Protein backbone atom coordinates (compact mmCIF):
# COMPACT_ATOMS: atom_id res chain seq x y z
CA MET A 1 -10.51 5.34 -4.97
CA THR A 2 -11.98 7.08 -1.90
CA HIS A 3 -15.26 7.84 -3.71
CA HIS A 4 -15.28 4.31 -5.15
CA ARG A 5 -15.18 3.03 -1.55
CA GLY A 6 -18.13 5.27 -0.59
CA GLN A 7 -16.20 7.88 1.41
CA ASP A 8 -15.90 11.68 1.18
CA SER A 9 -13.91 12.50 -1.93
CA THR A 10 -13.65 16.30 -1.96
CA HIS A 11 -10.31 17.33 -3.42
CA HIS A 12 -8.69 20.58 -4.52
CA VAL A 13 -6.99 21.61 -7.73
CA GLU A 14 -4.32 24.18 -6.88
CA ARG A 15 -2.82 26.58 -9.43
CA ASP A 16 0.72 27.84 -8.94
CA ASP A 17 -0.55 31.34 -8.09
CA GLY A 18 -2.46 29.93 -5.11
CA TYR A 19 -5.90 29.76 -6.77
CA LEU A 20 -7.91 26.76 -5.48
CA ASP A 21 -10.84 24.95 -7.08
CA SER A 22 -12.66 22.37 -4.93
CA MET A 23 -14.66 19.46 -6.35
CA GLY A 24 -15.94 16.02 -5.50
CA ALA A 25 -14.80 12.92 -7.35
CA GLY A 26 -18.40 11.92 -8.01
CA MET A 27 -18.26 13.70 -11.37
CA TYR A 28 -15.82 11.03 -12.59
CA PHE A 29 -18.39 8.29 -11.96
CA THR A 30 -21.48 9.81 -13.61
CA ARG A 31 -23.51 7.96 -16.24
CA TRP A 32 -24.39 9.05 -19.77
CA TRP A 33 -27.54 11.01 -18.89
CA HIS A 34 -25.62 13.26 -16.48
CA TRP A 35 -22.88 14.19 -18.94
CA LEU A 36 -22.53 17.53 -20.66
CA PRO A 37 -24.34 17.66 -24.03
CA THR A 38 -20.97 18.23 -25.74
CA GLU A 39 -19.65 14.97 -24.25
CA ARG A 40 -22.70 12.98 -25.35
CA LYS A 41 -22.52 14.34 -28.89
CA ALA A 42 -18.78 13.74 -29.14
CA LEU A 43 -18.84 10.16 -27.84
CA LYS A 44 -21.36 9.22 -30.54
CA LEU A 45 -18.51 9.78 -33.02
CA ALA A 46 -16.19 7.21 -31.41
CA ARG A 47 -15.62 4.10 -33.51
CA GLY A 48 -13.39 1.07 -33.79
CA ARG A 49 -10.53 0.61 -31.35
CA VAL A 50 -10.60 3.44 -28.82
CA LEU A 51 -7.87 4.94 -26.63
CA ASP A 52 -9.21 6.95 -23.67
CA ALA A 53 -6.33 9.28 -22.77
CA GLY A 54 -6.57 10.31 -19.12
CA CYS A 55 -9.39 7.86 -18.40
CA GLY A 56 -9.72 8.64 -14.68
CA ALA A 57 -12.36 6.40 -13.12
CA GLY A 58 -13.30 5.16 -16.58
CA ARG A 59 -16.76 6.62 -17.11
CA HIS A 60 -16.28 7.24 -20.84
CA ALA A 61 -14.26 4.09 -21.50
CA ILE A 62 -16.74 1.85 -19.68
CA HIS A 63 -19.67 3.44 -21.52
CA LEU A 64 -18.05 2.72 -24.89
CA GLN A 65 -17.08 -0.79 -23.82
CA ARG A 66 -20.73 -1.47 -22.95
CA LYS A 67 -21.56 -0.44 -26.51
CA GLY A 68 -19.29 -3.23 -27.75
CA MET A 69 -16.16 -1.22 -28.56
CA ASP A 70 -12.59 -2.33 -27.92
CA VAL A 71 -11.45 0.35 -25.44
CA THR A 72 -8.11 0.92 -23.75
CA GLY A 73 -8.03 3.33 -20.82
CA LEU A 74 -4.76 5.14 -20.15
CA ASP A 75 -3.89 7.04 -16.98
CA ASN A 76 -0.74 7.86 -15.00
CA SER A 77 -2.53 7.26 -11.67
CA ALA A 78 -2.20 3.73 -10.32
CA LEU A 79 -5.35 4.21 -8.21
CA ALA A 80 -7.35 5.44 -11.21
CA VAL A 81 -6.29 2.38 -13.21
CA LYS A 82 -7.19 0.12 -10.26
CA VAL A 83 -10.66 1.70 -10.02
CA CYS A 84 -11.19 1.25 -13.77
CA ARG A 85 -10.35 -2.43 -13.51
CA GLU A 86 -12.59 -2.92 -10.47
CA ARG A 87 -15.43 -1.24 -12.36
CA GLY A 88 -15.04 -3.69 -15.24
CA LEU A 89 -12.82 -1.98 -17.80
CA ARG A 90 -11.02 -4.87 -19.47
CA LYS A 91 -8.04 -2.86 -20.77
CA ALA A 92 -6.50 -0.22 -18.51
CA ALA A 93 -2.86 0.85 -18.91
CA LEU A 94 -0.83 2.60 -16.21
CA MET A 95 1.07 5.03 -18.41
CA PRO A 96 1.56 8.79 -18.86
CA LEU A 97 0.47 10.23 -22.18
CA SER A 98 4.12 11.02 -22.90
CA ALA A 99 4.74 7.25 -23.22
CA VAL A 100 1.86 6.57 -25.62
CA GLY A 101 4.33 5.79 -28.40
CA ARG A 102 4.78 2.35 -26.82
CA PHE A 103 1.65 1.30 -28.68
CA GLY A 104 2.25 -0.03 -32.17
CA LYS A 105 1.56 1.65 -35.48
CA GLY A 106 -2.14 1.87 -36.30
CA SER A 107 -3.27 0.57 -32.88
CA PHE A 108 -6.33 2.83 -32.53
CA ASP A 109 -9.14 4.28 -34.64
CA THR A 110 -10.33 6.88 -32.12
CA VAL A 111 -8.58 8.77 -29.33
CA ILE A 112 -10.84 10.44 -26.78
CA MET A 113 -9.60 13.22 -24.52
CA MET A 114 -12.63 14.25 -22.48
CA CYS A 115 -12.83 16.50 -19.37
CA ASN A 116 -10.50 19.13 -20.88
CA ASN A 117 -7.89 16.44 -21.50
CA PHE A 118 -6.45 18.20 -24.52
CA GLY A 119 -4.69 19.83 -21.58
CA LEU A 120 -2.61 16.69 -21.05
CA PHE A 121 -0.35 17.85 -23.88
CA GLY A 122 0.94 20.38 -21.34
CA SER A 123 2.62 22.87 -23.67
CA PRO A 124 2.77 23.86 -27.35
CA ALA A 125 5.92 21.78 -27.81
CA GLY A 126 4.35 18.83 -26.02
CA ALA A 127 1.23 19.11 -28.15
CA GLY A 128 3.23 19.02 -31.38
CA ARG A 129 5.34 16.07 -30.29
CA LEU A 130 2.48 13.97 -28.93
CA LEU A 131 0.08 14.73 -31.78
CA ARG A 132 2.68 13.38 -34.20
CA THR A 133 3.02 10.28 -32.00
CA LEU A 134 -0.76 9.82 -31.98
CA HIS A 135 -0.70 10.13 -35.76
CA ARG A 136 1.67 7.17 -35.92
CA ILE A 137 -0.24 4.88 -33.56
CA THR A 138 -3.65 5.48 -35.16
CA SER A 139 -5.25 4.10 -38.31
CA PRO A 140 -5.47 6.09 -41.60
CA GLY A 141 -9.04 7.29 -40.97
CA ALA A 142 -8.59 7.96 -37.25
CA ARG A 143 -10.01 10.85 -35.29
CA ILE A 144 -9.30 12.53 -31.96
CA LEU A 145 -12.21 13.81 -29.86
CA ALA A 146 -10.56 16.41 -27.62
CA ALA A 147 -12.24 18.59 -25.00
CA SER A 148 -10.81 21.95 -23.98
CA ASN A 149 -11.85 25.22 -22.40
CA ASP A 150 -11.48 28.66 -23.97
CA VAL A 151 -9.77 30.53 -21.12
CA TYR A 152 -10.40 33.90 -22.78
CA ARG A 153 -14.14 33.65 -22.13
CA THR A 154 -13.89 34.98 -18.59
CA SER A 155 -14.11 38.34 -16.83
CA ASP A 156 -12.65 37.05 -13.55
CA PRO A 157 -9.72 39.34 -12.60
CA CYS A 158 -7.95 36.40 -10.94
CA HIS A 159 -7.89 34.43 -14.19
CA LEU A 160 -7.13 37.44 -16.38
CA GLY A 161 -4.16 38.30 -14.16
CA TYR A 162 -2.87 34.76 -14.46
CA HIS A 163 -3.12 34.99 -18.26
CA ARG A 164 -1.06 38.19 -18.25
CA ARG A 165 1.53 36.61 -15.98
CA ASN A 166 1.80 33.65 -18.34
CA ARG A 167 2.30 35.83 -21.39
CA LYS A 168 5.03 37.82 -19.65
CA ARG A 169 6.81 34.51 -19.00
CA GLY A 170 6.54 33.46 -22.65
CA ARG A 171 3.79 30.94 -22.00
CA MET A 172 0.35 30.64 -23.57
CA SER A 173 -2.45 32.31 -21.59
CA GLY A 174 -4.04 28.95 -20.79
CA GLN A 175 -0.82 27.11 -19.97
CA LEU A 176 -1.53 26.21 -16.37
CA LYS A 177 0.73 24.75 -13.70
CA LEU A 178 -1.38 22.66 -11.33
CA ARG A 179 -1.34 20.08 -8.61
CA VAL A 180 -4.13 18.11 -6.97
CA ARG A 181 -4.50 18.09 -3.19
CA PHE A 182 -6.50 15.55 -1.18
CA ARG A 183 -6.43 15.75 2.61
CA ASP A 184 -2.71 15.79 3.53
CA THR A 185 -1.45 14.56 0.15
CA ALA A 186 -0.53 16.56 -2.96
CA SER A 187 0.48 15.43 -6.42
CA PRO A 188 3.63 16.75 -8.13
CA TRP A 189 3.15 19.98 -10.10
CA PHE A 190 2.24 19.43 -13.76
CA ASP A 191 1.53 21.58 -16.82
CA TYR A 192 -1.97 21.58 -18.29
CA LEU A 193 -2.89 23.41 -21.49
CA MET A 194 -6.28 24.99 -22.18
CA VAL A 195 -6.75 26.67 -25.54
CA SER A 196 -9.25 28.58 -27.64
CA ARG A 197 -10.53 27.08 -30.86
CA ALA A 198 -8.19 29.31 -32.90
CA GLU A 199 -5.20 28.32 -30.78
CA MET A 200 -6.03 24.66 -31.23
CA VAL A 201 -6.14 25.07 -35.00
CA ARG A 202 -2.65 26.62 -34.88
CA LEU A 203 -1.28 23.86 -32.64
CA LEU A 204 -2.51 21.21 -35.07
CA ARG A 205 -0.49 22.62 -37.97
CA ASP A 206 2.28 20.35 -39.25
CA THR A 207 1.19 17.46 -37.02
CA GLY A 208 -0.81 15.52 -39.63
CA TRP A 209 -4.11 16.49 -37.96
CA ARG A 210 -6.76 19.13 -38.60
CA ALA A 211 -9.80 20.39 -36.71
CA GLU A 212 -12.77 19.22 -38.75
CA ARG A 213 -15.35 20.91 -36.53
CA PHE A 214 -16.14 21.96 -32.98
CA ILE A 215 -18.98 20.78 -30.76
CA GLY A 216 -20.15 23.36 -28.26
CA GLY A 217 -22.31 26.40 -27.76
CA ARG A 218 -21.53 29.90 -26.57
CA GLY A 219 -19.83 28.82 -23.37
CA PRO A 220 -16.10 28.26 -22.93
CA SER A 221 -16.22 24.43 -23.03
CA TYR A 222 -16.08 22.59 -26.35
CA VAL A 223 -14.99 19.36 -27.99
CA ALA A 224 -12.90 19.38 -31.16
CA VAL A 225 -13.40 16.69 -33.78
CA ILE A 226 -9.86 16.25 -35.09
CA THR A 227 -9.13 14.14 -38.16
CA LYS A 228 -6.05 13.19 -40.11
CA ALA A 229 -5.15 15.88 -42.62
CA ALA A 230 -5.42 14.99 -46.31
CA GLY A 231 -2.19 13.50 -47.59
CA ALA A 232 -0.72 13.17 -44.08
């Protein structure tokens, strides 16, 4: 909302080991030509009725709406939903992903989870549960376009140490505990899951979904094209 009002929007993402990452909210308002190539390629595959899970300021949802698609943005931030509506998104739901089962059977043809939003599943158990829910509320030929980040493609000792700490605690290497800080305000702590391509394939087992292919180069960021498994 601060960036939407034209004010300084620098905020910090804090990991539970004290690691801080600072960024401006302007990235959530960028237009098509400023997006990552993986995002542009992935969004071309969206079709039909679209659910944007973790829509933020609505850049992806609004782009698809302009292309004539029926798009519903979903976010658990009241301010994010307000910004989406002010920017012209016709359907914006204030709802955590954990409540997505409120939508009826077969409500969507495409689910997009950009900006590493595969991470919204939070944990392996959460991924299994919510993927099965998404299977129920999507049409027979539906697909999920899910962005993630392969945490193993790093040599940073700070990140590698965090991975080791996670594994010792019985968590996945990329199972992060985060909160967002802005000025004197901080969000509650939340789990966020980043996975390699191989880990994603394993997490999709027995959920009714399969990874059809991956969009991305040699870097850690990629988008998975996930489709309903045959016979599911």
